[in-house]
Amino acid sequence: MERHSPILQLIALLFLLHHLLSHNLASTTIDLKPDKSSLLAFKSRITDDSFDTTLGKNWTTKTSVCNWIGVTCGSHHRRVIALEISYMSLEGTIPPHIGNLSFLVYLNITGNHFHGDLPKELVHLSQLRVVDFSNNGFAGDLPKELAHLHRLRVVDFSSNNFAGELPRTWFGNMTDLEELHLNLNGFSGMITLSLGYRYFYGLIALTCMT
């Protein structure tokens, strides 16, 4: 049986290590394309960006999404986990693409001029803990599908133009909910017994009155 020289064996070993390292790095490459495309779609729906130094010039394909204003990425997986763009005088609608931010935990767009209906695709944000859409101009019914966001702890839709009955399925499924703010809208109907029970026993902070 032919034996290779130590030098050839070392070269073969180094080649094998290089191949394994390259394969592992390739397999763990972070794909930020879904997050970037989702936020660019969000930006495209903004019709009035009063501050030229904010989203208009900062959210571009030339920089990493993790360096964009209002965007926070996770320290481990480097996916977008928070979007904080409150009080930026932004006007526009929310595109369905926002549902592709699958690692999003915190979403705050309060104090702007967003309007229209909420997209049902929000239901895909299964990691979401806090959502604050207050002080905008949203209208229509609250999507019943949001009841599937079991991890929600804080929901603030106050000071908008929402109407219709409160989705009863919300309150039975959102078992982690700690704060619910729906005041200054046009809701009708009765508060469910499950929600009233949780409020009475101090399990939830609730503001629903106009």
N, C-alpha and C. Protein backbone atom coordinates (compact mmCIF):
# COMPACT_ATOMS: atom_id res chain seq x y z
N MET A 1 0.84 -1.19 0.00
CA MET A 1 0.00 0.00 0.00
C MET A 1 0.88 1.25 0.00
N GLU A 2 0.58 2.16 -0.92
CA GLU A 2 1.39 3.36 -1.06
C GLU A 2 1.14 4.30 0.09
N ARG A 3 2.25 4.84 0.66
CA ARG A 3 2.15 5.78 1.74
C ARG A 3 2.54 7.17 1.24
N HIS A 4 1.72 8.19 1.59
CA HIS A 4 2.02 9.54 1.17
C HIS A 4 2.99 10.18 2.14
N SER A 5 3.77 11.13 1.65
CA SER A 5 4.73 11.84 2.49
C SER A 5 4.00 12.70 3.50
N PRO A 6 4.65 13.04 4.63
CA PRO A 6 4.02 13.90 5.64
C PRO A 6 3.57 15.23 5.08
N ILE A 7 4.33 15.77 4.12
CA ILE A 7 3.96 17.07 3.53
C ILE A 7 2.65 16.95 2.78
N LEU A 8 2.52 15.87 1.98
CA LEU A 8 1.29 15.67 1.23
C LEU A 8 0.11 15.45 2.17
N GLN A 9 0.34 14.70 3.25
CA GLN A 9 -0.71 14.47 4.23
C GLN A 9 -1.14 15.78 4.90
N LEU A 10 -0.17 16.65 5.18
CA LEU A 10 -0.49 17.95 5.79
C LEU A 10 -1.29 18.82 4.83
N ILE A 11 -0.88 18.82 3.56
CA ILE A 11 -1.61 19.59 2.55
C ILE A 11 -3.04 19.09 2.42
N ALA A 12 -3.21 17.76 2.43
CA ALA A 12 -4.54 17.17 2.32
C ALA A 12 -5.40 17.54 3.53
N LEU A 13 -4.76 17.53 4.73
CA LEU A 13 -5.48 17.89 5.95
C LEU A 13 -5.92 19.35 5.92
N LEU A 14 -5.01 20.23 5.50
CA LEU A 14 -5.34 21.65 5.41
C LEU A 14 -6.46 21.89 4.40
N PHE A 15 -6.40 21.17 3.28
CA PHE A 15 -7.46 21.32 2.27
C PHE A 15 -8.81 20.88 2.82
N LEU A 16 -8.78 19.76 3.60
CA LEU A 16 -10.02 19.25 4.18
C LEU A 16 -10.58 20.24 5.20
N LEU A 17 -9.72 20.81 6.06
CA LEU A 17 -10.16 21.80 7.04
C LEU A 17 -10.74 23.03 6.38
N HIS A 18 -10.07 23.49 5.31
CA HIS A 18 -10.58 24.65 4.57
C HIS A 18 -11.96 24.37 4.00
N HIS A 19 -12.13 23.16 3.45
CA HIS A 19 -13.43 22.80 2.87
C HIS A 19 -14.52 22.77 3.93
N LEU A 20 -14.20 22.17 5.09
CA LEU A 20 -15.19 22.07 6.16
C LEU A 20 -15.56 23.44 6.72
N LEU A 21 -14.54 24.30 6.91
CA LEU A 21 -14.81 25.64 7.43
C LEU A 21 -15.63 26.45 6.45
N SER A 22 -15.31 26.37 5.17
CA SER A 22 -16.06 27.10 4.15
C SER A 22 -17.50 26.63 4.10
N HIS A 23 -17.70 25.32 4.23
CA HIS A 23 -19.05 24.77 4.20
C HIS A 23 -19.86 25.23 5.41
N ASN A 24 -19.23 25.21 6.59
CA ASN A 24 -19.92 25.63 7.80
C ASN A 24 -20.27 27.11 7.76
N LEU A 25 -19.34 27.94 7.30
CA LEU A 25 -19.61 29.37 7.21
C LEU A 25 -20.72 29.65 6.22
N ALA A 26 -20.72 28.91 5.12
CA ALA A 26 -21.77 29.12 4.12
C ALA A 26 -23.13 28.71 4.66
N SER A 27 -23.13 27.62 5.46
CA SER A 27 -24.40 27.13 5.98
C SER A 27 -24.95 28.02 7.07
N THR A 28 -24.07 28.84 7.71
CA THR A 28 -24.53 29.71 8.78
C THR A 28 -24.61 31.17 8.34
N THR A 29 -24.47 31.42 7.05
CA THR A 29 -24.57 32.79 6.55
C THR A 29 -25.96 33.35 6.86
N ILE A 30 -25.99 34.55 7.41
CA ILE A 30 -27.25 35.16 7.81
C ILE A 30 -27.92 35.79 6.59
N ASP A 31 -29.14 35.43 6.36
CA ASP A 31 -29.89 35.94 5.22
C ASP A 31 -30.79 37.08 5.69
N LEU A 32 -30.37 38.30 5.41
CA LEU A 32 -31.15 39.47 5.79
C LEU A 32 -32.04 39.97 4.66
N LYS A 33 -32.05 39.27 3.54
CA LYS A 33 -32.82 39.73 2.40
C LYS A 33 -34.31 39.86 2.71
N PRO A 34 -34.95 38.88 3.40
CA PRO A 34 -36.38 39.05 3.70
C PRO A 34 -36.66 40.28 4.55
N ASP A 35 -35.79 40.55 5.55
CA ASP A 35 -35.99 41.71 6.41
C ASP A 35 -35.79 43.01 5.62
N LYS A 36 -34.74 43.05 4.82
CA LYS A 36 -34.46 44.27 4.06
C LYS A 36 -35.56 44.55 3.05
N SER A 37 -36.00 43.54 2.33
CA SER A 37 -37.04 43.75 1.33
C SER A 37 -38.36 44.16 1.98
N SER A 38 -38.64 43.61 3.18
CA SER A 38 -39.87 43.97 3.89
C SER A 38 -39.85 45.42 4.31
N LEU A 39 -38.71 45.88 4.84
CA LEU A 39 -38.62 47.27 5.29
C LEU A 39 -38.56 48.24 4.12
N LEU A 40 -37.97 47.84 3.01
CA LEU A 40 -37.99 48.69 1.82
C LEU A 40 -39.40 48.82 1.26
N ALA A 41 -40.18 47.74 1.35
CA ALA A 41 -41.59 47.81 0.95
C ALA A 41 -42.35 48.74 1.89
N PHE A 42 -42.03 48.68 3.18
CA PHE A 42 -42.62 49.59 4.17
C PHE A 42 -42.28 51.03 3.82
N LYS A 43 -41.02 51.28 3.50
CA LYS A 43 -40.58 52.63 3.13
C LYS A 43 -41.30 53.13 1.87
N SER A 44 -41.54 52.23 0.92
CA SER A 44 -42.18 52.64 -0.33
C SER A 44 -43.61 53.11 -0.14
N ARG A 45 -44.24 52.72 0.99
CA ARG A 45 -45.61 53.14 1.27
C ARG A 45 -45.67 54.47 2.03
N ILE A 46 -44.52 55.00 2.40
CA ILE A 46 -44.49 56.28 3.12
C ILE A 46 -44.56 57.40 2.10
N THR A 47 -45.60 58.18 2.18
CA THR A 47 -45.84 59.24 1.19
C THR A 47 -45.31 60.59 1.64
N ASP A 48 -44.96 60.73 2.91
CA ASP A 48 -44.45 62.00 3.41
C ASP A 48 -43.40 61.72 4.48
N ASP A 49 -42.15 61.83 4.10
CA ASP A 49 -41.05 61.68 5.04
C ASP A 49 -40.50 63.08 5.29
N SER A 50 -41.03 63.74 6.32
CA SER A 50 -40.71 65.15 6.56
C SER A 50 -39.25 65.37 6.90
N PHE A 51 -38.62 64.37 7.48
CA PHE A 51 -37.23 64.51 7.87
C PHE A 51 -36.34 63.80 6.84
N ASP A 52 -35.64 64.57 6.02
CA ASP A 52 -34.81 63.98 4.99
C ASP A 52 -33.69 63.12 5.58
N THR A 53 -33.34 63.39 6.81
CA THR A 53 -32.23 62.65 7.43
C THR A 53 -32.69 61.34 8.06
N THR A 54 -33.99 61.05 8.01
CA THR A 54 -34.47 59.80 8.61
C THR A 54 -34.57 58.71 7.57
N LEU A 55 -35.72 58.12 7.41
CA LEU A 55 -35.84 56.93 6.57
C LEU A 55 -35.50 57.18 5.12
N GLY A 56 -35.83 58.37 4.62
CA GLY A 56 -35.64 58.67 3.20
C GLY A 56 -34.23 58.41 2.71
N LYS A 57 -33.25 58.86 3.47
CA LYS A 57 -31.86 58.72 3.05
C LYS A 57 -31.13 57.59 3.76
N ASN A 58 -31.63 57.18 4.89
CA ASN A 58 -30.92 56.18 5.68
C ASN A 58 -31.24 54.75 5.29
N TRP A 59 -32.50 54.48 4.96
CA TRP A 59 -32.91 53.13 4.58
C TRP A 59 -32.59 52.92 3.10
N THR A 60 -31.40 52.47 2.81
CA THR A 60 -30.98 52.23 1.42
C THR A 60 -30.33 50.86 1.32
N THR A 61 -30.18 50.40 0.10
CA THR A 61 -29.57 49.10 -0.15
C THR A 61 -28.06 49.14 0.02
N LYS A 62 -27.50 50.34 0.22
CA LYS A 62 -26.05 50.48 0.33
C LYS A 62 -25.53 50.15 1.73
N THR A 63 -26.44 50.08 2.71
CA THR A 63 -26.02 49.81 4.08
C THR A 63 -26.77 48.61 4.63
N SER A 64 -26.22 48.02 5.67
CA SER A 64 -26.86 46.88 6.31
C SER A 64 -28.15 47.33 7.00
N VAL A 65 -29.17 46.50 6.93
CA VAL A 65 -30.44 46.82 7.55
C VAL A 65 -30.27 47.04 9.05
N CYS A 66 -29.28 46.39 9.64
CA CYS A 66 -29.05 46.52 11.08
C CYS A 66 -28.53 47.90 11.47
N ASN A 67 -28.10 48.69 10.48
CA ASN A 67 -27.61 50.04 10.73
C ASN A 67 -28.64 51.11 10.39
N TRP A 68 -29.83 50.70 10.02
CA TRP A 68 -30.87 51.67 9.67
C TRP A 68 -31.45 52.31 10.92
N ILE A 69 -31.87 53.56 10.78
CA ILE A 69 -32.51 54.27 11.88
C ILE A 69 -33.79 53.55 12.31
N GLY A 70 -33.92 53.35 13.61
CA GLY A 70 -35.12 52.73 14.15
C GLY A 70 -35.14 51.23 14.11
N VAL A 71 -34.09 50.62 13.59
CA VAL A 71 -34.04 49.16 13.43
C VAL A 71 -33.03 48.57 14.41
N THR A 72 -33.42 47.50 15.07
CA THR A 72 -32.53 46.77 15.97
C THR A 72 -32.48 45.31 15.55
N CYS A 73 -31.27 44.77 15.45
CA CYS A 73 -31.10 43.37 15.11
C CYS A 73 -30.67 42.57 16.33
N GLY A 74 -30.99 41.30 16.34
CA GLY A 74 -30.59 40.43 17.44
C GLY A 74 -29.09 40.22 17.46
N SER A 75 -28.50 40.12 18.65
CA SER A 75 -27.06 39.97 18.79
C SER A 75 -26.57 38.60 18.29
N HIS A 76 -27.43 37.62 18.30
CA HIS A 76 -27.04 36.26 17.91
C HIS A 76 -27.31 35.99 16.44
N HIS A 77 -28.57 36.09 16.05
CA HIS A 77 -28.94 35.73 14.67
C HIS A 77 -28.92 36.92 13.72
N ARG A 78 -28.78 38.17 14.25
CA ARG A 78 -28.68 39.37 13.43
C ARG A 78 -29.88 39.58 12.52
N ARG A 79 -31.02 39.11 12.92
CA ARG A 79 -32.26 39.41 12.22
C ARG A 79 -32.97 40.57 12.93
N VAL A 80 -33.86 41.25 12.22
CA VAL A 80 -34.54 42.42 12.78
C VAL A 80 -35.49 41.97 13.89
N ILE A 81 -35.28 42.50 15.11
CA ILE A 81 -36.13 42.14 16.24
C ILE A 81 -36.96 43.32 16.73
N ALA A 82 -36.60 44.55 16.34
CA ALA A 82 -37.35 45.72 16.81
C ALA A 82 -37.40 46.79 15.73
N LEU A 83 -38.56 47.44 15.64
CA LEU A 83 -38.75 48.57 14.74
C LEU A 83 -39.37 49.70 15.56
N GLU A 84 -38.60 50.75 15.79
CA GLU A 84 -39.01 51.88 16.61
C GLU A 84 -38.90 53.16 15.79
N ILE A 85 -40.03 53.58 15.21
CA ILE A 85 -40.04 54.79 14.38
C ILE A 85 -41.17 55.72 14.84
N SER A 86 -41.27 55.89 16.14
CA SER A 86 -42.33 56.74 16.69
C SER A 86 -41.99 58.22 16.53
N TYR A 87 -43.06 59.01 16.37
CA TYR A 87 -42.96 60.47 16.32
C TYR A 87 -41.94 60.97 15.30
N MET A 88 -42.06 60.47 14.09
CA MET A 88 -41.19 60.92 12.99
C MET A 88 -41.96 61.68 11.93
N SER A 89 -43.24 61.97 12.19
CA SER A 89 -44.08 62.69 11.22
C SER A 89 -44.19 61.95 9.90
N LEU A 90 -44.23 60.64 9.97
CA LEU A 90 -44.34 59.81 8.77
C LEU A 90 -45.80 59.61 8.40
N GLU A 91 -46.08 59.59 7.12
CA GLU A 91 -47.44 59.39 6.63
C GLU A 91 -47.44 58.30 5.58
N GLY A 92 -48.45 57.43 5.63
CA GLY A 92 -48.54 56.36 4.65
C GLY A 92 -49.39 55.21 5.16
N THR A 93 -49.26 54.06 4.52
CA THR A 93 -50.00 52.86 4.91
C THR A 93 -49.01 51.74 5.22
N ILE A 94 -49.52 50.70 5.87
CA ILE A 94 -48.68 49.56 6.26
C ILE A 94 -48.85 48.44 5.22
N PRO A 95 -47.77 48.05 4.53
CA PRO A 95 -47.89 47.01 3.50
C PRO A 95 -47.96 45.61 4.12
N PRO A 96 -48.50 44.65 3.41
CA PRO A 96 -48.56 43.27 3.92
C PRO A 96 -47.18 42.66 4.12
N HIS A 97 -46.16 43.23 3.48
CA HIS A 97 -44.80 42.68 3.60
C HIS A 97 -44.28 42.72 5.03
N ILE A 98 -44.89 43.52 5.87
CA ILE A 98 -44.42 43.59 7.25
C ILE A 98 -44.52 42.23 7.95
N GLY A 99 -45.39 41.39 7.45
CA GLY A 99 -45.55 40.06 8.01
C GLY A 99 -44.35 39.16 7.80
N ASN A 100 -43.40 39.60 6.96
CA ASN A 100 -42.20 38.80 6.70
C ASN A 100 -41.08 39.05 7.71
N LEU A 101 -41.30 40.00 8.62
CA LEU A 101 -40.30 40.26 9.67
C LEU A 101 -40.50 39.24 10.78
N SER A 102 -40.17 38.00 10.49
CA SER A 102 -40.57 36.88 11.33
C SER A 102 -39.90 36.84 12.70
N PHE A 103 -38.84 37.63 12.91
CA PHE A 103 -38.16 37.66 14.21
C PHE A 103 -38.56 38.87 15.04
N LEU A 104 -39.49 39.67 14.53
CA LEU A 104 -39.83 40.92 15.18
C LEU A 104 -40.49 40.68 16.54
N VAL A 105 -39.96 41.37 17.56
CA VAL A 105 -40.47 41.28 18.92
C VAL A 105 -41.16 42.57 19.35
N TYR A 106 -40.65 43.69 18.87
CA TYR A 106 -41.12 45.02 19.31
C TYR A 106 -41.42 45.85 18.08
N LEU A 107 -42.64 46.42 18.02
CA LEU A 107 -43.07 47.22 16.88
C LEU A 107 -43.77 48.47 17.38
N ASN A 108 -43.16 49.63 17.16
CA ASN A 108 -43.70 50.89 17.67
C ASN A 108 -43.67 51.95 16.58
N ILE A 109 -44.85 52.38 16.12
CA ILE A 109 -44.94 53.44 15.13
C ILE A 109 -45.88 54.55 15.61
N THR A 110 -46.00 54.69 16.93
CA THR A 110 -46.92 55.67 17.50
C THR A 110 -46.53 57.11 17.12
N GLY A 111 -47.54 57.99 17.11
CA GLY A 111 -47.28 59.40 16.90
C GLY A 111 -46.89 59.79 15.49
N ASN A 112 -47.42 59.07 14.50
CA ASN A 112 -47.18 59.42 13.10
C ASN A 112 -48.54 59.71 12.42
N HIS A 113 -48.58 59.57 11.11
CA HIS A 113 -49.82 59.84 10.37
C HIS A 113 -50.17 58.67 9.45
N PHE A 114 -49.90 57.45 9.93
CA PHE A 114 -50.27 56.27 9.15
C PHE A 114 -51.79 56.11 9.16
N HIS A 115 -52.33 55.56 8.08
CA HIS A 115 -53.77 55.42 7.95
C HIS A 115 -54.10 54.14 7.19
N GLY A 116 -55.40 53.93 6.96
CA GLY A 116 -55.84 52.73 6.26
C GLY A 116 -56.09 51.58 7.21
N ASP A 117 -56.31 50.40 6.64
CA ASP A 117 -56.55 49.19 7.43
C ASP A 117 -55.24 48.54 7.84
N LEU A 118 -55.31 47.77 8.92
CA LEU A 118 -54.15 46.98 9.31
C LEU A 118 -54.10 45.72 8.45
N PRO A 119 -52.94 45.37 7.92
CA PRO A 119 -52.85 44.16 7.09
C PRO A 119 -52.99 42.90 7.94
N LYS A 120 -53.70 41.92 7.40
CA LYS A 120 -53.88 40.66 8.12
C LYS A 120 -52.57 39.90 8.26
N GLU A 121 -51.60 40.26 7.44
CA GLU A 121 -50.32 39.56 7.49
C GLU A 121 -49.56 39.79 8.80
N LEU A 122 -50.03 40.72 9.61
CA LEU A 122 -49.43 40.89 10.93
C LEU A 122 -49.47 39.60 11.75
N VAL A 123 -50.40 38.72 11.39
CA VAL A 123 -50.55 37.46 12.12
C VAL A 123 -49.28 36.60 12.03
N HIS A 124 -48.44 36.86 11.02
CA HIS A 124 -47.23 36.05 10.85
C HIS A 124 -46.11 36.47 11.80
N LEU A 125 -46.30 37.56 12.54
CA LEU A 125 -45.27 38.02 13.48
C LEU A 125 -45.41 37.25 14.79
N SER A 126 -45.11 35.99 14.76
CA SER A 126 -45.40 35.10 15.88
C SER A 126 -44.54 35.38 17.11
N GLN A 127 -43.43 36.12 16.95
CA GLN A 127 -42.56 36.43 18.09
C GLN A 127 -42.93 37.75 18.76
N LEU A 128 -43.91 38.45 18.23
CA LEU A 128 -44.22 39.81 18.68
C LEU A 128 -44.68 39.84 20.13
N ARG A 129 -44.07 40.74 20.91
CA ARG A 129 -44.45 40.94 22.31
C ARG A 129 -45.14 42.28 22.53
N VAL A 130 -44.67 43.33 21.84
CA VAL A 130 -45.20 44.68 22.02
C VAL A 130 -45.54 45.27 20.67
N VAL A 131 -46.76 45.80 20.53
CA VAL A 131 -47.16 46.51 19.33
C VAL A 131 -47.86 47.80 19.73
N ASP A 132 -47.38 48.92 19.21
CA ASP A 132 -47.94 50.24 19.54
C ASP A 132 -48.20 51.00 18.25
N PHE A 133 -49.47 51.07 17.87
CA PHE A 133 -49.90 51.82 16.69
C PHE A 133 -50.71 53.05 17.09
N SER A 134 -50.59 53.47 18.32
CA SER A 134 -51.43 54.56 18.83
C SER A 134 -51.09 55.90 18.17
N ASN A 135 -52.06 56.84 18.27
CA ASN A 135 -51.88 58.20 17.76
C ASN A 135 -51.51 58.23 16.28
N ASN A 136 -52.31 57.52 15.48
CA ASN A 136 -52.20 57.54 14.04
C ASN A 136 -53.61 57.74 13.46
N GLY A 137 -53.83 57.34 12.23
CA GLY A 137 -55.14 57.50 11.62
C GLY A 137 -55.70 56.22 11.05
N PHE A 138 -55.34 55.07 11.66
CA PHE A 138 -55.82 53.78 11.18
C PHE A 138 -57.34 53.69 11.33
N ALA A 139 -57.98 52.94 10.43
CA ALA A 139 -59.43 52.80 10.45
C ALA A 139 -59.81 51.35 10.19
N GLY A 140 -61.14 51.10 10.14
CA GLY A 140 -61.62 49.76 9.88
C GLY A 140 -61.67 48.90 11.13
N ASP A 141 -61.89 47.61 10.92
CA ASP A 141 -61.96 46.65 12.03
C ASP A 141 -60.56 46.18 12.41
N LEU A 142 -60.44 45.76 13.64
CA LEU A 142 -59.20 45.10 14.05
C LEU A 142 -59.20 43.68 13.50
N PRO A 143 -58.13 43.26 12.85
CA PRO A 143 -58.09 41.91 12.28
C PRO A 143 -58.26 40.84 13.36
N LYS A 144 -59.23 39.95 13.16
CA LYS A 144 -59.43 38.87 14.12
C LYS A 144 -58.24 37.93 14.16
N GLU A 145 -57.49 37.90 13.06
CA GLU A 145 -56.35 36.98 12.99
C GLU A 145 -55.28 37.29 14.03
N LEU A 146 -55.26 38.51 14.53
CA LEU A 146 -54.25 38.87 15.52
C LEU A 146 -54.39 38.05 16.81
N ALA A 147 -55.52 37.38 16.96
CA ALA A 147 -55.71 36.52 18.13
C ALA A 147 -54.68 35.40 18.18
N HIS A 148 -54.07 35.09 17.04
CA HIS A 148 -53.09 34.01 16.99
C HIS A 148 -51.72 34.44 17.52
N LEU A 149 -51.55 35.73 17.81
CA LEU A 149 -50.28 36.21 18.35
C LEU A 149 -50.28 36.00 19.86
N HIS A 150 -50.06 34.77 20.26
CA HIS A 150 -50.22 34.37 21.66
C HIS A 150 -49.21 35.03 22.60
N ARG A 151 -48.09 35.52 22.07
CA ARG A 151 -47.04 36.05 22.93
C ARG A 151 -47.19 37.54 23.21
N LEU A 152 -48.18 38.17 22.63
CA LEU A 152 -48.36 39.61 22.84
C LEU A 152 -48.57 39.93 24.32
N ARG A 153 -47.84 40.93 24.78
CA ARG A 153 -47.98 41.38 26.17
C ARG A 153 -48.54 42.80 26.26
N VAL A 154 -48.18 43.65 25.30
CA VAL A 154 -48.66 45.03 25.30
C VAL A 154 -49.23 45.35 23.93
N VAL A 155 -50.49 45.80 23.89
CA VAL A 155 -51.16 46.20 22.66
C VAL A 155 -51.73 47.59 22.87
N ASP A 156 -51.33 48.54 22.01
CA ASP A 156 -51.84 49.91 22.11
C ASP A 156 -52.29 50.37 20.72
N PHE A 157 -53.62 50.40 20.55
CA PHE A 157 -54.22 50.90 19.31
C PHE A 157 -55.04 52.15 19.58
N SER A 158 -54.78 52.83 20.69
CA SER A 158 -55.58 53.99 21.08
C SER A 158 -55.36 55.17 20.14
N SER A 159 -56.34 56.09 20.16
CA SER A 159 -56.26 57.33 19.38
C SER A 159 -56.08 57.06 17.89
N ASN A 160 -57.00 56.27 17.34
CA ASN A 160 -57.08 56.04 15.90
C ASN A 160 -58.54 56.17 15.48
N ASN A 161 -58.89 55.60 14.35
CA ASN A 161 -60.28 55.65 13.86
C ASN A 161 -60.85 54.25 13.67
N PHE A 162 -60.39 53.30 14.47
CA PHE A 162 -60.92 51.95 14.39
C PHE A 162 -62.40 51.95 14.79
N ALA A 163 -63.14 50.99 14.24
CA ALA A 163 -64.58 50.89 14.53
C ALA A 163 -64.96 49.41 14.58
N GLY A 164 -66.27 49.18 14.78
CA GLY A 164 -66.76 47.81 14.84
C GLY A 164 -66.65 47.24 16.24
N GLU A 165 -67.03 45.98 16.37
CA GLU A 165 -66.97 45.31 17.66
C GLU A 165 -65.56 44.81 17.95
N LEU A 166 -65.24 44.76 19.21
CA LEU A 166 -63.95 44.22 19.61
C LEU A 166 -63.91 42.72 19.31
N PRO A 167 -62.85 42.24 18.69
CA PRO A 167 -62.75 40.81 18.37
C PRO A 167 -62.75 39.95 19.63
N ARG A 168 -63.80 39.18 19.85
CA ARG A 168 -63.91 38.38 21.07
C ARG A 168 -62.83 37.31 21.16
N THR A 169 -62.37 36.83 20.02
CA THR A 169 -61.37 35.76 20.04
C THR A 169 -60.03 36.24 20.58
N TRP A 170 -59.79 37.54 20.56
CA TRP A 170 -58.53 38.06 21.06
C TRP A 170 -58.29 37.66 22.50
N PHE A 171 -59.28 37.90 23.32
CA PHE A 171 -59.06 37.90 24.75
C PHE A 171 -58.96 36.51 25.35
N GLY A 172 -59.47 35.52 24.65
CA GLY A 172 -59.32 34.16 25.13
C GLY A 172 -57.97 33.57 24.76
N ASN A 173 -57.39 34.03 23.64
CA ASN A 173 -56.15 33.45 23.15
C ASN A 173 -54.91 34.17 23.64
N MET A 174 -55.01 35.49 23.87
CA MET A 174 -53.83 36.26 24.28
C MET A 174 -53.62 36.12 25.79
N THR A 175 -53.16 34.97 26.19
CA THR A 175 -53.06 34.66 27.62
C THR A 175 -51.91 35.40 28.30
N ASP A 176 -50.94 35.93 27.55
CA ASP A 176 -49.82 36.66 28.13
C ASP A 176 -50.07 38.17 28.17
N LEU A 177 -51.22 38.61 27.69
CA LEU A 177 -51.50 40.03 27.58
C LEU A 177 -51.51 40.71 28.95
N GLU A 178 -50.75 41.80 29.07
CA GLU A 178 -50.66 42.56 30.31
C GLU A 178 -51.24 43.96 30.18
N GLU A 179 -51.19 44.55 28.98
CA GLU A 179 -51.74 45.88 28.76
C GLU A 179 -52.51 45.90 27.44
N LEU A 180 -53.71 46.51 27.48
CA LEU A 180 -54.52 46.65 26.28
C LEU A 180 -55.12 48.05 26.28
N HIS A 181 -54.78 48.85 25.27
CA HIS A 181 -55.24 50.23 25.18
C HIS A 181 -55.96 50.44 23.85
N LEU A 182 -57.26 50.62 23.93
CA LEU A 182 -58.10 50.76 22.74
C LEU A 182 -58.95 52.03 22.78
N ASN A 183 -58.70 52.91 23.73
CA ASN A 183 -59.52 54.10 23.90
C ASN A 183 -59.34 55.09 22.74
N LEU A 184 -60.31 56.02 22.64
CA LEU A 184 -60.31 57.05 21.61
C LEU A 184 -60.36 56.44 20.20
N ASN A 185 -61.28 55.50 20.04
CA ASN A 185 -61.62 54.93 18.75
C ASN A 185 -63.15 54.91 18.64
N GLY A 186 -63.68 54.16 17.70
CA GLY A 186 -65.13 54.09 17.55
C GLY A 186 -65.69 52.70 17.74
N PHE A 187 -65.13 51.95 18.68
CA PHE A 187 -65.57 50.58 18.91
C PHE A 187 -66.98 50.54 19.49
N SER A 188 -67.65 49.42 19.25
CA SER A 188 -68.99 49.20 19.80
C SER A 188 -69.05 47.80 20.39
N GLY A 189 -70.16 47.50 21.05
CA GLY A 189 -70.33 46.17 21.62
C GLY A 189 -69.87 46.11 23.06
N MET A 190 -69.93 44.90 23.60
CA MET A 190 -69.64 44.66 25.01
C MET A 190 -68.24 44.07 25.18
N ILE A 191 -67.65 44.35 26.35
CA ILE A 191 -66.39 43.72 26.71
C ILE A 191 -66.67 42.28 27.15
N THR A 192 -65.87 41.36 26.69
CA THR A 192 -66.11 39.95 27.00
C THR A 192 -65.89 39.67 28.48
N LEU A 193 -66.53 38.61 28.96
CA LEU A 193 -66.40 38.23 30.37
C LEU A 193 -64.96 37.88 30.72
N SER A 194 -64.25 37.21 29.80
CA SER A 194 -62.87 36.82 30.09
C SER A 194 -61.98 38.04 30.26
N LEU A 195 -62.20 39.06 29.44
CA LEU A 195 -61.42 40.28 29.57
C LEU A 195 -61.78 41.02 30.85
N GLY A 196 -63.09 41.10 31.16
CA GLY A 196 -63.51 41.76 32.39
C GLY A 196 -62.97 41.07 33.62
N TYR A 197 -62.91 39.77 33.60
CA TYR A 197 -62.37 38.98 34.73
C TYR A 197 -60.90 39.32 34.94
N ARG A 198 -60.15 39.35 33.87
CA ARG A 198 -58.72 39.61 33.98
C ARG A 198 -58.46 41.04 34.45
N TYR A 199 -59.31 41.96 34.03
CA TYR A 199 -59.16 43.35 34.48
C TYR A 199 -59.52 43.48 35.96
N PHE A 200 -60.61 42.82 36.36
CA PHE A 200 -61.09 42.91 37.74
C PHE A 200 -60.04 42.40 38.73
N TYR A 201 -59.36 41.35 38.35
CA TYR A 201 -58.37 40.75 39.24
C TYR A 201 -56.96 41.30 39.02
N GLY A 202 -56.87 42.39 38.30
CA GLY A 202 -55.57 43.05 38.13
C GLY A 202 -54.59 42.31 37.25
N LEU A 203 -55.09 41.43 36.38
CA LEU A 203 -54.21 40.66 35.51
C LEU A 203 -53.86 41.41 34.23
N ILE A 204 -54.57 42.52 33.98
CA ILE A 204 -54.35 43.27 32.77
C ILE A 204 -54.68 44.73 33.00
N ALA A 205 -53.88 45.63 32.43
CA ALA A 205 -54.19 47.06 32.44
C ALA A 205 -55.03 47.36 31.20
N LEU A 206 -56.20 47.94 31.40
CA LEU A 206 -57.16 48.07 30.31
C LEU A 206 -57.66 49.49 30.18
N THR A 207 -57.62 50.06 28.97
CA THR A 207 -58.25 51.35 28.67
C THR A 207 -59.00 51.19 27.36
N CYS A 208 -60.31 51.14 27.44
CA CYS A 208 -61.16 50.94 26.28
C CYS A 208 -62.17 52.06 26.07
N MET A 209 -62.35 52.92 27.05
CA MET A 209 -63.39 53.94 26.96
C MET A 209 -62.95 55.09 26.05
N THR A 210 -63.92 55.71 25.37
CA THR A 210 -63.63 56.86 24.53
C THR A 210 -63.53 58.11 25.37
